[in-house]
């Protein structure tokens, strides 16, 4: 009878260890799946935001190209021809003589705080 109780205790202990291991593994897998789902959701949101920003930048680029074309047409009507070749901008008069060639200089955009501080100091003057 004692041996039967010992065997039962050993079997119950093994069953508890196996059950605990299975529960831990299941909980770990479920947590990993939840984290993966959250990461996918956040990444999808980021992709959508980047797509929206790309569409906005494409519209802005088109608008700026239209502005440049309008300026070029207006200057051409006054006898000045502008050619843009990469980073070089050349201005020619009607005779075709190249009067000026300049390289496009990239400037850093002022930060919003610096711009607003400059605006407020200009308003005080």
PDB file of N, CA and C in Angstrom:
ATOM      1  N   UNK A   1       0.826  -1.184   0.000  1.00  0.00           N
ATOM      2  CA  UNK A   1       0.000   0.000   0.000  1.00  0.00           C
ATOM      3  C   UNK A   1       0.881   1.263   0.000  1.00  0.00           C
ATOM      4  N   UNK A   2       1.955   1.210   0.798  1.00  0.00           N
ATOM      5  CA  UNK A   2       2.877   2.339   0.872  1.00  0.00           C
ATOM      6  C   UNK A   2       3.516   2.589  -0.483  1.00  0.00           C
ATOM      7  N   UNK A   3       3.854   1.511  -1.183  1.00  0.00           N
ATOM      8  CA  UNK A   3       4.471   1.658  -2.495  1.00  0.00           C
ATOM      9  C   UNK A   3       3.516   2.306  -3.485  1.00  0.00           C
ATOM     10  N   UNK A   4       2.235   1.984  -3.371  1.00  0.00           N
ATOM     11  CA  UNK A   4       1.231   2.569  -4.256  1.00  0.00           C
ATOM     12  C   UNK A   4       1.098   4.066  -4.014  1.00  0.00           C
ATOM     13  N   UNK A   5       1.153   4.477  -2.743  1.00  0.00           N
ATOM     14  CA  UNK A   5       1.096   5.907  -2.426  1.00  0.00           C
ATOM     15  C   UNK A   5       2.346   6.626  -2.927  1.00  0.00           C
ATOM     16  N   UNK A   6       3.505   6.017  -2.770  1.00  0.00           N
ATOM     17  CA  UNK A   6       4.738   6.622  -3.279  1.00  0.00           C
ATOM     18  C   UNK A   6       4.707   6.765  -4.797  1.00  0.00           C
ATOM     19  N   UNK A   7       4.229   5.731  -5.468  1.00  0.00           N
ATOM     20  CA  UNK A   7       4.126   5.774  -6.924  1.00  0.00           C
ATOM     21  C   UNK A   7       3.132   6.845  -7.366  1.00  0.00           C
ATOM     22  N   UNK A   8       2.032   6.965  -6.634  1.00  0.00           N
ATOM     23  CA  UNK A   8       1.028   7.982  -6.944  1.00  0.00           C
ATOM     24  C   UNK A   8       1.618   9.382  -6.749  1.00  0.00           C
ATOM     25  N   UNK A   9       2.345   9.590  -5.677  1.00  0.00           N
ATOM     26  CA  UNK A   9       2.984  10.884  -5.426  1.00  0.00           C
ATOM     27  C   UNK A   9       3.989  11.236  -6.532  1.00  0.00           C
ATOM     28  N   UNK A  10       4.766  10.251  -6.938  1.00  0.00           N
ATOM     29  CA  UNK A  10       5.742  10.488  -8.006  1.00  0.00           C
ATOM     30  C   UNK A  10       5.016  10.844  -9.307  1.00  0.00           C
ATOM     31  N   UNK A  11       3.955  10.122  -9.643  1.00  0.00           N
ATOM     32  CA  UNK A  11       3.191  10.399 -10.869  1.00  0.00           C
ATOM     33  C   UNK A  11       2.530  11.783 -10.816  1.00  0.00           C
ATOM     34  N   UNK A  12       1.984  12.128  -9.671  1.00  0.00           N
ATOM     35  CA  UNK A  12       1.353  13.448  -9.515  1.00  0.00           C
ATOM     36  C   UNK A  12       2.405  14.540  -9.634  1.00  0.00           C
ATOM     37  N   UNK A  13       3.573  14.340  -9.036  1.00  0.00           N
ATOM     38  CA  UNK A  13       4.649  15.325  -9.126  1.00  0.00           C
ATOM     39  C   UNK A  13       5.110  15.488 -10.573  1.00  0.00           C
ATOM     40  N   UNK A  14       5.292  14.387 -11.274  1.00  0.00           N
ATOM     41  CA  UNK A  14       5.679  14.459 -12.687  1.00  0.00           C
ATOM     42  C   UNK A  14       4.596  15.147 -13.530  1.00  0.00           C
ATOM     43  N   UNK A  15       3.340  14.853 -13.236  1.00  0.00           N
ATOM     44  CA  UNK A  15       2.238  15.483 -13.967  1.00  0.00           C
ATOM     45  C   UNK A  15       2.210  16.990 -13.704  1.00  0.00           C
ATOM     46  N   UNK A  16       2.456  17.391 -12.440  1.00  0.00           N
ATOM     47  CA  UNK A  16       2.489  18.820 -12.117  1.00  0.00           C
ATOM     48  C   UNK A  16       3.660  19.524 -12.815  1.00  0.00           C
ATOM     49  N   UNK A  17       4.825  18.890 -12.836  1.00  0.00           N
ATOM     50  CA  UNK A  17       5.988  19.483 -13.507  1.00  0.00           C
ATOM     51  C   UNK A  17       5.718  19.598 -14.998  1.00  0.00           C
ATOM     52  N   UNK A  18       5.172  18.558 -15.597  1.00  0.00           N
ATOM     53  CA  UNK A  18       4.854  18.585 -17.024  1.00  0.00           C
ATOM     54  C   UNK A  18       3.798  19.655 -17.322  1.00  0.00           C
ATOM     55  N   UNK A  19       2.774  19.727 -16.477  1.00  0.00           N
ATOM     56  CA  UNK A  19       1.724  20.737 -16.660  1.00  0.00           C
ATOM     57  C   UNK A  19       2.263  22.148 -16.518  1.00  0.00           C
ATOM     58  N   UNK A  20       3.140  22.338 -15.522  1.00  0.00           N
ATOM     59  CA  UNK A  20       3.726  23.676 -15.321  1.00  0.00           C
ATOM     60  C   UNK A  20       4.596  24.061 -16.515  1.00  0.00           C
ATOM     61  N   UNK A  21       5.376  23.126 -17.009  1.00  0.00           N
ATOM     62  CA  UNK A  21       6.205  23.397 -18.178  1.00  0.00           C
ATOM     63  C   UNK A  21       5.341  23.729 -19.395  1.00  0.00           C
ATOM     64  N   UNK A  22       4.263  22.963 -19.607  1.00  0.00           N
ATOM     65  CA  UNK A  22       3.361  23.216 -20.740  1.00  0.00           C
ATOM     66  C   UNK A  22       2.677  24.578 -20.598  1.00  0.00           C
ATOM     67  N   UNK A  23       2.265  24.919 -19.389  1.00  0.00           N
ATOM     68  CA  UNK A  23       1.607  26.214 -19.156  1.00  0.00           C
ATOM     69  C   UNK A  23       2.590  27.359 -19.380  1.00  0.00           C
ATOM     70  N   UNK A  24       3.813  27.198 -18.899  1.00  0.00           N
ATOM     71  CA  UNK A  24       4.834  28.229 -19.098  1.00  0.00           C
ATOM     72  C   UNK A  24       5.123  28.406 -20.589  1.00  0.00           C
ATOM     73  N   UNK A  25       5.286  27.304 -21.293  1.00  0.00           N
ATOM     74  CA  UNK A  25       5.569  27.355 -22.725  1.00  0.00           C
ATOM     75  C   UNK A  25       4.398  28.000 -23.478  1.00  0.00           C
ATOM     76  N   UNK A  26       3.171  27.631 -23.118  1.00  0.00           N
ATOM     77  CA  UNK A  26       1.982  28.204 -23.764  1.00  0.00           C
ATOM     78  C   UNK A  26       1.885  29.705 -23.473  1.00  0.00           C
ATOM     79  N   UNK A  27       2.142  30.109 -22.231  1.00  0.00           N
ATOM     80  CA  UNK A  27       2.101  31.536 -21.881  1.00  0.00           C
ATOM     81  C   UNK A  27       3.183  32.317 -22.595  1.00  0.00           C
ATOM     82  N   UNK A  28       4.366  31.747 -22.698  1.00  0.00           N
ATOM     83  CA  UNK A  28       5.466  32.400 -23.402  1.00  0.00           C
ATOM     84  C   UNK A  28       5.130  32.558 -24.877  1.00  0.00           C
ATOM     85  N   UNK A  29       4.567  31.524 -25.491  1.00  0.00           N
ATOM     86  CA  UNK A  29       4.196  31.586 -26.907  1.00  0.00           C
ATOM     87  C   UNK A  29       3.087  32.614 -27.123  1.00  0.00           C
ATOM     88  N   UNK A  30       2.117  32.650 -26.215  1.00  0.00           N
ATOM     89  CA  UNK A  30       1.024  33.614 -26.341  1.00  0.00           C
ATOM     90  C   UNK A  30       1.547  35.045 -26.204  1.00  0.00           C
ATOM     91  N   UNK A  31       2.451  35.279 -25.247  1.00  0.00           N
ATOM     92  CA  UNK A  31       3.042  36.608 -25.067  1.00  0.00           C
ATOM     93  C   UNK A  31       3.836  37.008 -26.303  1.00  0.00           C
ATOM     94  N   UNK A  32       4.593  36.076 -26.850  1.00  0.00           N
ATOM     95  CA  UNK A  32       5.369  36.361 -28.062  1.00  0.00           C
ATOM     96  C   UNK A  32       4.443  36.697 -29.223  1.00  0.00           C
ATOM     97  N   UNK A  33       3.334  35.988 -29.350  1.00  0.00           N
ATOM     98  CA  UNK A  33       2.373  36.273 -30.424  1.00  0.00           C
ATOM     99  C   UNK A  33       1.729  37.641 -30.238  1.00  0.00           C
ATOM    100  N   UNK A  34       1.420  38.000 -28.991  1.00  0.00           N
ATOM    101  CA  UNK A  34       0.833  39.315 -28.724  1.00  0.00           C
ATOM    102  C   UNK A  34       1.819  40.432 -29.048  1.00  0.00           C
ATOM    103  N   UNK A  35       3.074  40.252 -28.660  1.00  0.00           N
ATOM    104  CA  UNK A  35       4.097  41.255 -28.963  1.00  0.00           C
ATOM    105  C   UNK A  35       4.284  41.374 -30.468  1.00  0.00           C
ATOM    106  N   UNK A  36       4.334  40.246 -31.144  1.00  0.00           N
ATOM    107  CA  UNK A  36       4.489  40.261 -32.600  1.00  0.00           C
ATOM    108  C   UNK A  36       3.317  40.983 -33.260  1.00  0.00           C
ATOM    109  N   UNK A  37       2.103  40.738 -32.796  1.00  0.00           N
ATOM    110  CA  UNK A  37       0.930  41.403 -33.362  1.00  0.00           C
ATOM    111  C   UNK A  37       0.997  42.917 -33.128  1.00  0.00           C
ATOM    112  N   UNK A  38       1.436  43.331 -31.938  1.00  0.00           N
ATOM    113  CA  UNK A  38       1.563  44.765 -31.654  1.00  0.00           C
ATOM    114  C   UNK A  38       2.632  45.409 -32.527  1.00  0.00           C
ATOM    115  N   UNK A  39       3.755  44.723 -32.690  1.00  0.00           N
ATOM    116  CA  UNK A  39       4.836  45.269 -33.524  1.00  0.00           C
ATOM    117  C   UNK A  39       4.365  45.394 -34.969  1.00  0.00           C
ATOM    118  N   UNK A  40       3.670  44.394 -35.475  1.00  0.00           N
ATOM    119  CA  UNK A  40       3.149  44.458 -36.845  1.00  0.00           C
ATOM    120  C   UNK A  40       2.178  45.608 -36.985  1.00  0.00           C
ATOM    121  N   UNK A  41       1.331  45.808 -35.993  1.00  0.00           N
ATOM    122  CA  UNK A  41       0.366  46.907 -36.036  1.00  0.00           C
ATOM    123  C   UNK A  41       1.067  48.266 -36.054  1.00  0.00           C
ATOM    124  N   UNK A  42       2.069  48.424 -35.195  1.00  0.00           N
ATOM    125  CA  UNK A  42       2.809  49.684 -35.139  1.00  0.00           C
ATOM    126  C   UNK A  42       3.557  49.927 -36.443  1.00  0.00           C
ATOM    127  N   UNK A  43       4.181  48.886 -36.969  1.00  0.00           N
ATOM    128  CA  UNK A  43       4.914  49.025 -38.241  1.00  0.00           C
ATOM    129  C   UNK A  43       3.962  49.373 -39.388  1.00  0.00           C
ATOM    130  N   UNK A  44       2.781  48.776 -39.405  1.00  0.00           N
ATOM    131  CA  UNK A  44       1.804  49.084 -40.453  1.00  0.00           C
ATOM    132  C   UNK A  44       1.357  50.543 -40.338  1.00  0.00           C
ATOM    133  N   UNK A  45       1.174  51.015 -39.115  1.00  0.00           N
ATOM    134  CA  UNK A  45       0.804  52.406 -38.905  1.00  0.00           C
ATOM    135  C   UNK A  45       1.917  53.336 -39.404  1.00  0.00           C
ATOM    136  N   UNK A  46       3.165  52.962 -39.124  1.00  0.00           N
ATOM    137  CA  UNK A  46       4.316  53.753 -39.577  1.00  0.00           C
ATOM    138  C   UNK A  46       4.401  53.761 -41.106  1.00  0.00           C
ATOM    139  N   UNK A  47       4.150  52.611 -41.723  1.00  0.00           N
ATOM    140  CA  UNK A  47       4.162  52.532 -43.189  1.00  0.00           C
ATOM    141  C   UNK A  47       3.083  53.430 -43.766  1.00  0.00           C
ATOM    142  N   UNK A  48       1.893  53.415 -43.184  1.00  0.00           N
ATOM    143  CA  UNK A  48       0.810  54.281 -43.668  1.00  0.00           C
ATOM    144  C   UNK A  48       1.170  55.756 -43.518  1.00  0.00           C
ATOM    145  N   UNK A  49       1.793  56.105 -42.392  1.00  0.00           N
ATOM    146  CA  UNK A  49       2.199  57.503 -42.182  1.00  0.00           C
ATOM    147  C   UNK A  49       3.251  57.912 -43.201  1.00  0.00           C
ATOM    148  N   UNK A  50       4.201  57.023 -43.494  1.00  0.00           N
ATOM    149  CA  UNK A  50       5.233  57.329 -44.494  1.00  0.00           C
ATOM    150  C   UNK A  50       4.640  57.437 -45.890  1.00  0.00           C
ATOM    151  N   UNK A  51       3.643  56.606 -46.207  1.00  0.00           N
ATOM    152  CA  UNK A  51       2.973  56.712 -47.509  1.00  0.00           C
ATOM    153  C   UNK A  51       2.261  58.058 -47.634  1.00  0.00           C
ATOM    154  N   UNK A  52       1.592  58.481 -46.558  1.00  0.00           N
ATOM    155  CA  UNK A  52       0.926  59.784 -46.573  1.00  0.00           C
ATOM    156  C   UNK A  52       1.934  60.909 -46.751  1.00  0.00           C
ATOM    157  N   UNK A  53       3.057  60.812 -46.049  1.00  0.00           N
ATOM    158  CA  UNK A  53       4.084  61.855 -46.163  1.00  0.00           C
ATOM    159  C   UNK A  53       4.689  61.874 -47.563  1.00  0.00           C
ATOM    160  N   UNK A  54       4.903  60.697 -48.152  1.00  0.00           N
ATOM    161  CA  UNK A  54       5.431  60.620 -49.509  1.00  0.00           C
ATOM    162  C   UNK A  54       4.462  61.259 -50.496  1.00  0.00           C
ATOM    163  N   UNK A  55       3.169  60.987 -50.345  1.00  0.00           N
ATOM    164  CA  UNK A  55       2.179  61.593 -51.231  1.00  0.00           C
ATOM    165  C   UNK A  55       2.182  63.114 -51.075  1.00  0.00           C
ATOM    166  N   UNK A  56       2.296  63.599 -49.846  1.00  0.00           N
ATOM    167  CA  UNK A  56       2.347  65.042 -49.603  1.00  0.00           C
ATOM    168  C   UNK A  56       3.592  65.655 -50.236  1.00  0.00           C
ATOM    169  N   UNK A  57       4.733  64.998 -50.086  1.00  0.00           N
ATOM    170  CA  UNK A  57       5.974  65.513 -50.672  1.00  0.00           C
ATOM    171  C   UNK A  57       5.928  65.492 -52.198  1.00  0.00           C
ATOM    172  N   UNK A  58       5.293  64.478 -52.777  1.00  0.00           N
ATOM    173  CA  UNK A  58       5.159  64.438 -54.233  1.00  0.00           C
ATOM    174  C   UNK A  58       4.292  65.594 -54.721  1.00  0.00           C
ATOM    175  N   UNK A  59       3.214  65.893 -54.001  1.00  0.00           N
ATOM    176  CA  UNK A  59       2.361  67.031 -54.373  1.00  0.00           C
ATOM    177  C   UNK A  59       3.137  68.343 -54.251  1.00  0.00           C
ATOM    178  N   UNK A  60       3.912  68.481 -53.164  1.00  0.00           N
ATOM    179  CA  UNK A  60       4.711  69.690 -52.954  1.00  0.00           C
ATOM    180  C   UNK A  60       5.775  69.832 -54.039  1.00  0.00           C
ATOM    181  N   UNK A  61       6.394  68.722 -54.421  1.00  0.00           N
ATOM    182  CA  UNK A  61       7.398  68.735 -55.479  1.00  0.00           C
ATOM    183  C   UNK A  61       6.776  69.164 -56.801  1.00  0.00           C
ATOM    184  N   UNK A  62       5.592  68.660 -57.108  1.00  0.00           N
ATOM    185  CA  UNK A  62       4.893  69.056 -58.324  1.00  0.00           C
ATOM    186  C   UNK A  62       4.560  70.548 -58.291  1.00  0.00           C
ATOM    187  N   UNK A  63       4.106  71.038 -57.152  1.00  0.00           N
ATOM    188  CA  UNK A  63       3.766  72.453 -57.018  1.00  0.00           C
ATOM    189  C   UNK A  63       5.013  73.323 -57.201  1.00  0.00           C
ATOM    190  N   UNK A  64       6.128  72.919 -56.604  1.00  0.00           N
ATOM    191  CA  UNK A  64       7.365  73.691 -56.753  1.00  0.00           C
ATOM    192  C   UNK A  64       7.869  73.658 -58.197  1.00  0.00           C
ATOM    193  N   UNK A  65       7.723  72.534 -58.868  1.00  0.00           N
ATOM    194  CA  UNK A  65       8.102  72.454 -60.282  1.00  0.00           C
ATOM    195  C   UNK A  65       7.244  73.389 -61.126  1.00  0.00           C
ATOM    196  N   UNK A  66       5.962  73.464 -60.806  1.00  0.00           N
ATOM    197  CA  UNK A  66       5.073  74.375 -61.532  1.00  0.00           C
ATOM    198  C   UNK A  66       5.456  75.827 -61.270  1.00  0.00           C
ATOM    199  N   UNK A  67       5.845  76.151 -60.050  1.00  0.00           N
ATOM    200  CA  UNK A  67       6.281  77.512 -59.727  1.00  0.00           C
ATOM    201  C   UNK A  67       7.543  77.859 -60.512  1.00  0.00           C
ATOM    202  N   UNK A  68       8.510  76.933 -60.547  1.00  0.00           N
ATOM    203  CA  UNK A  68       9.751  77.174 -61.296  1.00  0.00           C
ATOM    204  C   UNK A  68       9.443  77.367 -62.773  1.00  0.00           C
ATOM    205  N   UNK A  69       8.562  76.536 -63.324  1.00  0.00           N
ATOM    206  CA  UNK A  69       8.204  76.680 -64.737  1.00  0.00           C
ATOM    207  C   UNK A  69       7.527  78.020 -65.005  1.00  0.00           C
ATOM    208  N   UNK A  70       6.697  78.477 -64.083  1.00  0.00           N
ATOM    209  CA  UNK A  70       6.022  79.771 -64.235  1.00  0.00           C
ATOM    210  C   UNK A  70       7.033  80.916 -64.202  1.00  0.00           C
ATOM    211  N   UNK A  71       7.989  80.846 -63.279  1.00  0.00           N
ATOM    212  CA  UNK A  71       9.031  81.881 -63.190  1.00  0.00           C
ATOM    213  C   UNK A  71       9.875  81.875 -64.458  1.00  0.00           C
ATOM    214  N   UNK A  72      10.254  80.686 -64.930  1.00  0.00           N
ATOM    215  CA  UNK A  72      11.055  80.594 -66.153  1.00  0.00           C
ATOM    216  C   UNK A  72      10.307  81.186 -67.343  1.00  0.00           C
ATOM    217  N   UNK A  73       9.008  80.911 -67.456  1.00  0.00           N
ATOM    218  CA  UNK A  73       8.204  81.448 -68.560  1.00  0.00           C
ATOM    219  C   UNK A  73       8.104  82.963 -68.464  1.00  0.00           C
ATOM    220  N   UNK A  74       7.890  83.483 -67.261  1.00  0.00           N
ATOM    221  CA  UNK A  74       7.779  84.928 -67.087  1.00  0.00           C
ATOM    222  C   UNK A  74       9.093  85.617 -67.441  1.00  0.00           C
ATOM    223  N   UNK A  75      10.213  85.040 -67.030  1.00  0.00           N
ATOM    224  CA  UNK A  75      11.511  85.630 -67.367  1.00  0.00           C
ATOM    225  C   UNK A  75      11.822  85.473 -68.852  1.00  0.00           C
ATOM    226  N   UNK A  76      11.387  84.392 -69.432  1.00  0.00           N
ATOM    227  CA  UNK A  76      11.610  84.174 -70.865  1.00  0.00           C
ATOM    228  C   UNK A  76      10.845  85.224 -71.672  1.00  0.00           C
ATOM    229  N   UNK A  77       9.669  85.588 -71.228  1.00  0.00           N
ATOM    230  CA  UNK A  77       8.904  86.622 -71.910  1.00  0.00           C
ATOM    231  C   UNK A  77       9.588  87.980 -71.810  1.00  0.00           C
ATOM    232  N   UNK A  78      10.449  88.172 -70.826  1.00  0.00           N
ATOM    233  CA  UNK A  78      11.205  89.412 -70.661  1.00  0.00           C
ATOM    234  C   UNK A  78      12.585  89.330 -71.301  1.00  0.00           C
ATOM    235  N   UNK A  79      12.872  88.190 -71.949  1.00  0.00           N
ATOM    236  CA  UNK A  79      14.124  88.080 -72.672  1.00  0.00           C
ATOM    237  C   UNK A  79      15.228  87.350 -71.937  1.00  0.00           C
ATOM    238  N   UNK A  80      14.934  86.789 -70.810  1.00  0.00           N
ATOM    239  CA  UNK A  80      15.938  86.026 -70.064  1.00  0.00           C
ATOM    240  C   UNK A  80      15.579  84.547 -70.106  1.00  0.00           C
ATOM    241  N   UNK A  81      16.560  83.731 -70.416  1.00  0.00           N
ATOM    242  CA  UNK A  81      16.349  82.289 -70.474  1.00  0.00           C
ATOM    243  C   UNK A  81      17.142  81.645 -69.349  1.00  0.00           C
ATOM    244  N   UNK A  82      16.484  80.780 -68.613  1.00  0.00           N
ATOM    245  CA  UNK A  82      17.112  80.101 -67.487  1.00  0.00           C
ATOM    246  C   UNK A  82      17.197  78.617 -67.825  1.00  0.00           C
ATOM    247  N   UNK A  83      18.389  78.066 -67.655  1.00  0.00           N
ATOM    248  CA  UNK A  83      18.562  76.628 -67.806  1.00  0.00           C
ATOM    249  C   UNK A  83      19.076  76.075 -66.482  1.00  0.00           C
ATOM    250  N   UNK A  84      18.512  74.956 -66.104  1.00  0.00           N
ATOM    251  CA  UNK A  84      18.908  74.302 -64.861  1.00  0.00           C
ATOM    252  C   UNK A  84      19.484  72.944 -65.252  1.00  0.00           C
ATOM    253  N   UNK A  85      20.765  72.759 -64.941  1.00  0.00           N
ATOM    254  CA  UNK A  85      21.447  71.515 -65.273  1.00  0.00           C
ATOM    255  C   UNK A  85      22.060  70.950 -63.990  1.00  0.00           C
ATOM    256  N   UNK A  86      21.310  70.071 -63.355  1.00  0.00           N
ATOM    257  CA  UNK A  86      21.775  69.509 -62.079  1.00  0.00           C
ATOM    258  C   UNK A  86      21.821  70.590 -61.014  1.00  0.00           C
ATOM    259  N   UNK A  87      23.036  70.924 -60.558  1.00  0.00           N
ATOM    260  CA  UNK A  87      23.195  71.948 -59.525  1.00  0.00           C
ATOM    261  C   UNK A  87      23.572  73.307 -60.103  1.00  0.00           C
ATOM    262  N   UNK A  88      23.680  73.400 -61.424  1.00  0.00           N
ATOM    263  CA  UNK A  88      24.051  74.675 -62.049  1.00  0.00           C
ATOM    264  C   UNK A  88      22.828  75.354 -62.644  1.00  0.00           C
ATOM    265  N   UNK A  89      22.716  76.645 -62.385  1.00  0.00           N
ATOM    266  CA  UNK A  89      21.648  77.464 -62.947  1.00  0.00           C
ATOM    267  C   UNK A  89      22.317  78.535 -63.798  1.00  0.00           C
ATOM    268  N   UNK A  90      21.946  78.581 -65.092  1.00  0.00           N
ATOM    269  CA  UNK A  90      22.523  79.561 -66.006  1.00  0.00           C
ATOM    270  C   UNK A  90      21.433  80.494 -66.494  1.00  0.00           C
ATOM    271  N   UNK A  91      21.775  81.779 -66.563  1.00  0.00           N
ATOM    272  CA  UNK A  91      20.839  82.797 -67.059  1.00  0.00           C
ATOM    273  C   UNK A  91      21.434  83.389 -68.324  1.00  0.00           C
ATOM    274  N   UNK A  92      20.688  83.356 -69.408  1.00  0.00           N
ATOM    275  CA  UNK A  92      21.115  83.883 -70.702  1.00  0.00           C
ATOM    276  C   UNK A  92      20.158  84.995 -71.121  1.00  0.00           C
ATOM    277  N   UNK A  93      20.684  85.996 -71.803  1.00  0.00           N
ATOM    278  CA  UNK A  93      19.787  87.010 -72.344  1.00  0.00           C
ATOM    279  C   UNK A  93      19.393  86.582 -73.761  1.00  0.00           C
ATOM    280  N   UNK A  94      18.659  87.445 -74.479  1.00  0.00           N
ATOM    281  CA  UNK A  94      18.140  87.087 -75.795  1.00  0.00           C
ATOM    282  C   UNK A  94      19.246  86.801 -76.803  1.00  0.00           C
ATOM    283  N   UNK A  95      20.390  87.432 -76.678  1.00  0.00           N
ATOM    284  CA  UNK A  95      21.471  87.219 -77.630  1.00  0.00           C
ATOM    285  C   UNK A  95      22.142  85.860 -77.419  1.00  0.00           C
ATOM    286  N   UNK A  96      21.828  85.155 -76.343  1.00  0.00           N
ATOM    287  CA  UNK A  96      22.417  83.855 -76.069  1.00  0.00           C
ATOM    288  C   UNK A  96      23.675  83.948 -75.239  1.00  0.00           C
ATOM    289  N   UNK A  97      24.110  85.139 -74.929  1.00  0.00           N
ATOM    290  CA  UNK A  97      25.307  85.332 -74.125  1.00  0.00           C
ATOM    291  C   UNK A  97      25.000  84.897 -72.694  1.00  0.00           C
ATOM    292  N   UNK A  98      25.842  84.038 -72.159  1.00  0.00           N
ATOM    293  CA  UNK A  98      25.654  83.558 -70.792  1.00  0.00           C
ATOM    294  C   UNK A  98      26.084  84.652 -69.834  1.00  0.00           C
ATOM    295  N   UNK A  99      25.147  85.227 -69.156  1.00  0.00           N
ATOM    296  CA  UNK A  99      25.460  86.338 -68.265  1.00  0.00           C
ATOM    297  C   UNK A  99      25.900  85.852 -66.883  1.00  0.00           C
ATOM    298  N   UNK A 100      25.285  84.777 -66.408  1.00  0.00           N
ATOM    299  CA  UNK A 100      25.627  84.334 -65.063  1.00  0.00           C
ATOM    300  C   UNK A 100      25.329  82.843 -64.924  1.00  0.00           C
ATOM    301  N   UNK A 101      26.226  82.168 -64.260  1.00  0.00           N
ATOM    302  CA  UNK A 101      26.031  80.759 -63.920  1.00  0.00           C
ATOM    303  C   UNK A 101      26.314  80.608 -62.435  1.00  0.00           C
ATOM    304  N   UNK A 102      25.397  79.989 -61.734  1.00  0.00           N
ATOM    305  CA  UNK A 102      25.540  79.816 -60.287  1.00  0.00           C
ATOM    306  C   UNK A 102      25.258  78.375 -59.913  1.00  0.00           C
ATOM    307  N   UNK A 103      25.890  77.950 -58.843  1.00  0.00           N
ATOM    308  CA  UNK A 103      25.646  76.617 -58.295  1.00  0.00           C
ATOM    309  C   UNK A 103      24.575  76.736 -57.212  1.00  0.00           C
ATOM    310  N   UNK A 104      23.672  75.769 -57.195  1.00  0.00           N
ATOM    311  CA  UNK A 104      22.632  75.751 -56.164  1.00  0.00           C
ATOM    312  C   UNK A 104      23.284  75.415 -54.830  1.00  0.00           C
ATOM    313  N   UNK A 105      23.050  76.246 -53.829  1.00  0.00           N
ATOM    314  CA  UNK A 105      23.626  76.066 -52.500  1.00  0.00           C
ATOM    315  C   UNK A 105      22.521  75.557 -51.579  1.00  0.00           C
ATOM    316  N   UNK A 106      22.781  74.416 -50.974  1.00  0.00           N
ATOM    317  CA  UNK A 106      21.802  73.870 -50.041  1.00  0.00           C
ATOM    318  C   UNK A 106      21.971  74.537 -48.692  1.00  0.00           C
ATOM    319  N   UNK A 107      20.882  75.053 -48.178  1.00  0.00           N
ATOM    320  CA  UNK A 107      20.894  75.673 -46.851  1.00  0.00           C
ATOM    321  C   UNK A 107      20.043  74.825 -45.932  1.00  0.00           C
ATOM    322  N   UNK A 108      20.466  74.776 -44.672  1.00  0.00           N
ATOM    323  CA  UNK A 108      19.677  74.050 -43.693  1.00  0.00           C
ATOM    324  C   UNK A 108      18.448  74.868 -43.352  1.00  0.00           C
ATOM    325  N   UNK A 109      17.350  74.154 -43.213  1.00  0.00           N
ATOM    326  CA  UNK A 109      16.129  74.832 -42.805  1.00  0.00           C
ATOM    327  C   UNK A 109      16.258  75.265 -41.359  1.00  0.00           C
ATOM    328  N   UNK A 110      15.800  76.463 -41.031  1.00  0.00           N
ATOM    329  CA  UNK A 110      15.848  76.868 -39.617  1.00  0.00           C
ATOM    330  C   UNK A 110      14.853  76.042 -38.820  1.00  0.00           C
ATOM    331  N   UNK A 111      15.227  75.747 -37.590  1.00  0.00           N
ATOM    332  CA  UNK A 111      14.308  74.992 -36.744  1.00  0.00           C
ATOM    333  C   UNK A 111      13.106  75.871 -36.425  1.00  0.00           C
ATOM    334  N   UNK A 112      11.938  75.257 -36.182  1.00  0.00           N
ATOM    335  CA  UNK A 112      10.738  76.052 -35.893  1.00  0.00           C
ATOM    336  C   UNK A 112      10.921  76.996 -34.717  1.00  0.00           C
ATOM    337  N   UNK A 113      11.682  76.606 -33.702  1.00  0.00           N
ATOM    338  CA  UNK A 113      11.859  77.486 -32.546  1.00  0.00           C
ATOM    339  C   UNK A 113      12.742  78.673 -32.916  1.00  0.00           C
ATOM    340  N   UNK A 114      13.794  78.417 -33.735  1.00  0.00           N
ATOM    341  CA  UNK A 114      14.667  79.514 -34.148  1.00  0.00           C
ATOM    342  C   UNK A 114      13.919  80.466 -35.072  1.00  0.00           C
ATOM    343  N   UNK A 115      13.060  79.907 -35.929  1.00  0.00           N
ATOM    344  CA  UNK A 115      12.294  80.744 -36.856  1.00  0.00           C
ATOM    345  C   UNK A 115      11.297  81.611 -36.103  1.00  0.00           C
ATOM    346  N   UNK A 116      10.610  81.029 -35.122  1.00  0.00           N
ATOM    347  CA  UNK A 116       9.633  81.817 -34.368  1.00  0.00           C
ATOM    348  C   UNK A 116      10.339  82.856 -33.498  1.00  0.00           C
ATOM    349  N   UNK A 117      11.530  82.531 -32.987  1.00  0.00           N
ATOM    350  CA  UNK A 117      12.274  83.506 -32.191  1.00  0.00           C
ATOM    351  C   UNK A 117      12.743  84.654 -33.073  1.00  0.00           C
ATOM    352  N   UNK A 118      13.176  84.354 -34.302  1.00  0.00           N
ATOM    353  CA  UNK A 118      13.593  85.403 -35.227  1.00  0.00           C
ATOM    354  C   UNK A 118      12.400  86.266 -35.622  1.00  0.00           C
ATOM    355  N   UNK A 119      11.248  85.635 -35.816  1.00  0.00           N
ATOM    356  CA  UNK A 119      10.050  86.392 -36.177  1.00  0.00           C
ATOM    357  C   UNK A 119       9.643  87.326 -35.050  1.00  0.00           C
ATOM    358  N   UNK A 120       9.702  86.848 -33.812  1.00  0.00           N
ATOM    359  CA  UNK A 120       9.281  87.682 -32.706  1.00  0.00           C
ATOM    360  C   UNK A 120      10.264  88.841 -32.494  1.00  0.00           C
ATOM    361  N   UNK A 121      11.576  88.595 -32.748  1.00  0.00           N
ATOM    362  CA  UNK A 121      12.533  89.685 -32.572  1.00  0.00           C
ATOM    363  C   UNK A 121      12.383  90.712 -33.684  1.00  0.00           C
ATOM    364  N   UNK A 122      11.969  90.270 -34.882  1.00  0.00           N
ATOM    365  CA  UNK A 122      11.731  91.198 -35.971  1.00  0.00           C
ATOM    366  C   UNK A 122      10.493  92.041 -35.723  1.00  0.00           C
ATOM    367  N   UNK A 123       9.504  91.430 -35.072  1.00  0.00           N
ATOM    368  CA  UNK A 123       8.278  92.168 -34.800  1.00  0.00           C
ATOM    369  C   UNK A 123       8.527  93.264 -33.767  1.00  0.00           C
ATOM    370  N   UNK A 124       9.493  93.053 -32.839  1.00  0.00           N
ATOM    371  CA  UNK A 124       9.752  94.031 -31.799  1.00  0.00           C
ATOM    372  C   UNK A 124      10.481  95.250 -32.335  1.00  0.00           C
ATOM    373  N   UNK A 125      11.284  95.071 -33.437  1.00  0.00           N
ATOM    374  CA  UNK A 125      12.072  96.177 -34.001  1.00  0.00           C
ATOM    375  C   UNK A 125      11.218  97.229 -34.644  1.00  0.00           C
TER     376      UNK A 125
END
